[in-house]
Amino acid sequence: MSERIPIEAGAPRAVDDPDDDVDMDAPVEIIDRREVYRGAVFHVEDMTIGLRCRDGRTIPVRRQVMRHAPCVVMLVHDEKTDRYLIEREYRVGSGRYAYGIPAGMMDEGEDVETAALRELAEETGVAPAGPESVRFDHVGDCYSSEGMTDELAHIMVIHLDGWRPTTKRPDADEHVASAWTDWNGLLATPVTASNSIIAIQHERIRRLTGEREARTGRAHDATPADAQTDRTEAQTVRVATHVPSNEVRY
């Protein structure tokens, strides 16, 4: 039996109608779905989806989707030393020992902040000194690659006013190295995962905003030179992907 997937009510129209007759305000129809693979971390469904047209027709399209648990992605900031936590581990998707920031899958029924602190402790052995020592800056919830997977990444920056070491509890096949680095060291680290880059960019904007407010706070009115500096900094908010050209694969 087919099923209907509703659209989000009240969603703003971001683009004009398509050139063909597909009704993008109508729910799509799941004509068929079959699980074709199940692994330890995700499973894959082969789906036939019906796109409704304004004239009543249904256009069938075939898609494969990787079903994956939601995850948390955390840029961790030690406020007292102004350092950030980075990691390195083998990533099969890029085929390399990749640099990144703490991340991991959420357990069923687990809330986002609990999952983030659990993954942080398990992977790095870092835990807040107490409930009052941690502040969450929620960046946003982003699909990792919505054309092929339903994995939803909850991205955040965790600011620690104090932390304590705790016992690492990695999975049996998990081999992660972690270390603290200063801000310039973080920017120089060749991070290539998009969710990690989003968190770093968010923190970069926060730091630039704080520096601008500190500058303007020292004077009653900002000078033209201050304004030009702000524009220059805003134009350079970027993180290089650091992917060597000889490692790009298709």
Protein backbone atom coordinates (compact mmCIF):
# COMPACT_ATOMS: atom_id res chain seq x y z
CA MET A 1 0.00 0.00 0.00
CA SER A 2 1.27 3.45 -0.85
CA GLU A 3 1.63 6.18 1.76
CA ARG A 4 1.52 9.95 1.70
CA ILE A 5 4.27 12.24 2.96
CA PRO A 6 2.81 15.65 3.89
CA ILE A 7 4.55 18.93 3.16
CA GLU A 8 5.39 21.39 5.89
CA ALA A 9 2.42 23.67 6.50
CA GLY A 10 3.07 27.34 5.95
CA ALA A 11 6.51 26.85 4.39
CA PRO A 12 7.59 29.95 2.46
CA ARG A 13 7.88 29.74 -1.31
CA ALA A 14 11.60 29.98 -1.95
CA VAL A 15 11.49 29.48 -5.73
CA ASP A 16 9.02 29.85 -8.55
CA ASP A 17 7.06 26.93 -9.94
CA PRO A 18 9.11 24.37 -11.89
CA ASP A 19 9.10 24.32 -15.68
CA ASP A 20 7.23 21.02 -15.75
CA ASP A 21 3.80 20.25 -14.26
CA VAL A 22 4.94 18.87 -10.88
CA ASP A 23 2.89 20.32 -8.00
CA MET A 24 5.48 21.08 -5.32
CA ASP A 25 2.75 22.05 -2.86
CA ALA A 26 1.28 18.55 -2.94
CA PRO A 27 2.49 15.67 -0.75
CA VAL A 28 4.50 12.99 -2.51
CA GLU A 29 3.34 9.39 -2.59
CA ILE A 30 5.53 6.46 -1.54
CA ILE A 31 4.57 3.84 -4.11
CA ASP A 32 7.04 1.19 -2.99
CA ARG A 33 9.92 0.82 -0.53
CA ARG A 34 12.22 -2.14 0.07
CA GLU A 35 15.17 -2.57 2.39
CA VAL A 36 18.09 -3.75 0.28
CA TYR A 37 20.90 -3.54 2.83
CA ARG A 38 21.23 -3.51 6.61
CA GLY A 39 24.52 -2.89 8.38
CA ALA A 40 25.68 -2.15 11.89
CA VAL A 41 25.27 1.63 11.54
CA PHE A 42 22.73 2.27 8.77
CA HIS A 43 20.39 0.56 6.32
CA VAL A 44 19.46 1.35 2.73
CA GLU A 45 16.00 1.51 1.20
CA ASP A 46 15.17 1.34 -2.51
CA MET A 47 12.10 3.53 -3.00
CA THR A 48 9.69 4.44 -5.77
CA ILE A 49 8.22 7.88 -5.12
CA GLY A 50 5.24 9.46 -6.90
CA LEU A 51 5.42 13.17 -7.66
CA ARG A 52 1.94 14.60 -8.13
CA CYS A 53 1.15 16.86 -11.08
CA ARG A 54 -1.41 19.63 -11.36
CA ASP A 55 -3.36 17.67 -13.98
CA GLY A 56 -3.74 14.70 -11.61
CA ARG A 57 -0.96 12.55 -13.05
CA THR A 58 1.69 10.94 -10.86
CA ILE A 59 5.31 10.78 -12.05
CA PRO A 60 7.21 7.81 -10.54
CA VAL A 61 10.85 8.36 -9.62
CA ARG A 62 13.25 5.85 -8.10
CA ARG A 63 15.55 6.80 -5.22
CA GLN A 64 17.84 5.03 -2.75
CA VAL A 65 18.13 6.46 0.75
CA MET A 66 20.47 5.61 3.59
CA ARG A 67 18.59 5.50 6.90
CA HIS A 68 20.81 6.69 9.73
CA ALA A 69 20.29 7.72 13.34
CA PRO A 70 20.55 11.46 14.11
CA CYS A 71 23.94 12.65 15.33
CA VAL A 72 25.56 15.42 17.35
CA VAL A 73 28.53 17.52 16.21
CA MET A 74 30.33 19.62 18.83
CA LEU A 75 33.04 22.26 18.69
CA VAL A 76 34.28 22.28 22.30
CA HIS A 77 35.77 25.48 23.73
CA ASP A 78 37.77 25.70 26.98
CA GLU A 79 36.96 29.27 27.97
CA LYS A 80 39.70 29.56 30.61
CA THR A 81 42.54 28.73 28.21
CA ASP A 82 40.73 29.76 24.99
CA ARG A 83 41.52 26.43 23.37
CA TYR A 84 39.47 24.08 21.20
CA LEU A 85 39.26 20.30 21.07
CA ILE A 86 40.16 18.59 17.80
CA GLU A 87 40.24 14.93 16.82
CA ARG A 88 41.78 12.65 14.24
CA GLU A 89 40.59 9.23 13.10
CA TYR A 90 40.30 7.14 9.96
CA ARG A 91 37.29 8.06 7.82
CA VAL A 92 36.40 5.54 5.14
CA GLY A 93 34.43 8.10 3.08
CA SER A 94 37.50 10.24 2.43
CA GLY A 95 39.92 7.33 2.70
CA ARG A 96 42.24 9.12 5.11
CA TYR A 97 43.01 9.84 8.74
CA ALA A 98 40.86 12.94 8.88
CA TYR A 99 40.88 15.86 11.30
CA GLY A 100 37.63 16.97 12.84
CA ILE A 101 35.74 17.75 16.02
CA PRO A 102 33.85 15.45 18.40
CA ALA A 103 30.72 13.88 16.92
CA GLY A 104 28.63 10.76 17.28
CA MET A 105 25.25 9.10 16.93
CA MET A 106 22.40 9.73 19.33
CA ASP A 107 20.84 6.83 21.21
CA GLU A 108 17.12 6.23 20.83
CA GLY A 109 15.14 8.56 23.11
CA GLU A 110 18.22 10.61 24.01
CA ASP A 111 18.03 14.41 24.00
CA VAL A 112 20.60 16.44 22.06
CA GLU A 113 22.59 17.92 24.95
CA THR A 114 22.78 14.62 26.84
CA ALA A 115 24.01 12.88 23.70
CA ALA A 116 26.62 15.58 23.10
CA LEU A 117 28.10 15.30 26.60
CA ARG A 118 28.03 11.49 26.45
CA GLU A 119 29.85 11.40 23.11
CA LEU A 120 32.34 14.01 24.31
CA ALA A 121 33.24 11.93 27.37
CA GLU A 122 33.36 8.62 25.48
CA GLU A 123 35.59 9.89 22.68
CA THR A 124 37.86 12.37 24.44
CA GLY A 125 37.62 11.80 28.21
CA VAL A 126 36.45 15.40 28.73
CA ALA A 127 33.46 16.19 30.96
CA PRO A 128 32.12 19.49 32.36
CA ALA A 129 33.27 20.25 35.91
CA GLY A 130 29.59 20.64 36.80
CA PRO A 131 26.21 21.64 35.34
CA GLU A 132 27.05 25.31 35.83
CA SER A 133 30.31 24.93 33.88
CA VAL A 134 28.81 24.19 30.47
CA ARG A 135 26.99 26.44 28.01
CA PHE A 136 25.49 25.19 24.75
CA ASP A 137 25.43 27.41 21.69
CA HIS A 138 23.12 25.57 19.31
CA VAL A 139 24.16 26.33 15.74
CA GLY A 140 21.39 24.47 13.92
CA ASP A 141 20.09 21.13 12.69
CA CYS A 142 21.30 20.18 9.22
CA TYR A 143 20.87 17.12 7.02
CA SER A 144 24.28 15.70 6.21
CA SER A 145 23.30 15.02 2.57
CA GLU A 146 19.55 15.22 2.08
CA GLY A 147 19.70 13.80 -1.44
CA MET A 148 20.86 10.42 -0.14
CA THR A 149 20.40 10.11 3.65
CA ASP A 150 18.03 11.14 6.44
CA GLU A 151 20.89 11.64 8.92
CA LEU A 152 20.15 14.86 10.83
CA ALA A 153 23.15 16.54 12.45
CA HIS A 154 22.58 18.66 15.56
CA ILE A 155 25.48 21.10 15.38
CA MET A 156 26.63 23.12 18.40
CA VAL A 157 29.48 24.88 20.14
CA ILE A 158 30.02 23.80 23.75
CA HIS A 159 31.68 26.41 25.98
CA LEU A 160 33.27 24.94 29.11
CA ASP A 161 34.05 27.24 32.03
CA GLY A 162 35.70 24.24 33.67
CA TRP A 163 36.17 20.57 32.86
CA ARG A 164 37.48 17.38 34.41
CA PRO A 165 39.09 14.30 32.88
CA THR A 166 37.01 11.14 32.79
CA THR A 167 37.51 7.64 31.46
CA LYS A 168 37.22 7.25 27.71
CA ARG A 169 34.77 4.60 26.52
CA PRO A 170 35.28 4.24 22.77
CA ASP A 171 33.58 1.54 20.75
CA ALA A 172 35.66 -1.56 20.08
CA ASP A 173 36.41 -0.45 16.50
CA GLU A 174 36.83 3.23 17.34
CA HIS A 175 40.36 4.67 17.42
CA VAL A 176 40.31 8.42 18.02
CA ALA A 177 43.15 10.79 18.94
CA SER A 178 42.23 14.15 20.49
CA ALA A 179 44.09 17.28 21.57
CA TRP A 180 43.52 20.90 22.57
CA THR A 181 44.66 23.68 20.23
CA ASP A 182 44.39 27.46 20.20
CA TRP A 183 42.16 29.36 17.79
CA ASN A 184 44.82 29.87 15.14
CA GLY A 185 45.74 26.21 15.40
CA LEU A 186 42.10 25.24 14.85
CA LEU A 187 41.87 27.41 11.73
CA ALA A 188 45.09 25.87 10.42
CA THR A 189 43.81 22.30 10.96
CA PRO A 190 42.71 20.68 7.66
CA VAL A 191 39.09 19.95 8.63
CA THR A 192 37.06 18.71 5.66
CA ALA A 193 33.73 17.49 7.16
CA SER A 194 30.98 19.98 6.28
CA ASN A 195 29.17 19.74 9.63
CA SER A 196 32.41 20.47 11.48
CA ILE A 197 33.12 23.44 9.22
CA ILE A 198 29.66 24.85 9.96
CA ALA A 199 30.41 24.79 13.70
CA ILE A 200 33.82 26.40 13.20
CA GLN A 201 32.37 29.12 10.98
CA HIS A 202 29.69 29.85 13.57
CA GLU A 203 32.32 30.26 16.27
CA ARG A 204 34.44 32.41 13.98
CA ILE A 205 31.54 34.82 13.52
CA ARG A 206 31.00 34.91 17.29
CA ARG A 207 34.64 35.79 17.87
CA LEU A 208 34.62 38.47 15.18
CA THR A 209 31.45 39.96 16.62
CA GLY A 210 32.96 40.00 20.10
CA GLU A 211 36.11 41.68 18.85
CA ARG A 212 34.07 44.31 17.04
CA GLU A 213 31.96 45.03 20.11
CA ALA A 214 35.11 45.31 22.21
CA ARG A 215 36.58 47.81 19.75
CA THR A 216 33.47 49.93 19.58
CA GLY A 217 33.09 49.76 23.35
CA ARG A 218 36.45 51.48 23.77
CA ALA A 219 35.21 54.50 21.87
CA HIS A 220 31.90 56.32 21.94
CA ASP A 221 31.55 56.12 18.16
CA ALA A 222 33.17 53.73 15.72
CA THR A 223 35.62 55.36 13.34
CA PRO A 224 35.65 54.85 9.55
CA ALA A 225 38.77 52.74 10.05
CA ASP A 226 36.82 50.45 12.43
CA ALA A 227 34.04 50.09 9.88
CA GLN A 228 36.52 49.19 7.15
CA THR A 229 38.16 46.60 9.43
CA ASP A 230 34.75 45.05 10.16
CA ARG A 231 33.97 44.80 6.44
CA THR A 232 37.35 43.21 5.73
CA GLU A 233 36.89 40.64 8.51
CA ALA A 234 33.38 39.80 7.38
CA GLN A 235 34.63 39.16 3.85
CA THR A 236 37.28 36.74 5.11
CA VAL A 237 35.07 34.49 7.26
CA ARG A 238 35.94 31.23 5.59
CA VAL A 239 37.57 27.88 6.39
CA ALA A 240 39.64 26.17 3.69
CA THR A 241 38.71 22.59 2.89
CA HIS A 242 42.34 21.52 2.46
CA VAL A 243 41.50 18.67 0.06
CA PRO A 244 44.59 18.06 -2.11
CA SER A 245 43.71 18.03 -5.81
CA ASN A 246 45.27 14.62 -6.31
CA GLU A 247 42.91 13.12 -3.73
CA VAL A 248 39.64 14.22 -5.34
CA ARG A 249 37.81 11.10 -6.46
CA TYR A 250 34.68 10.67 -8.57
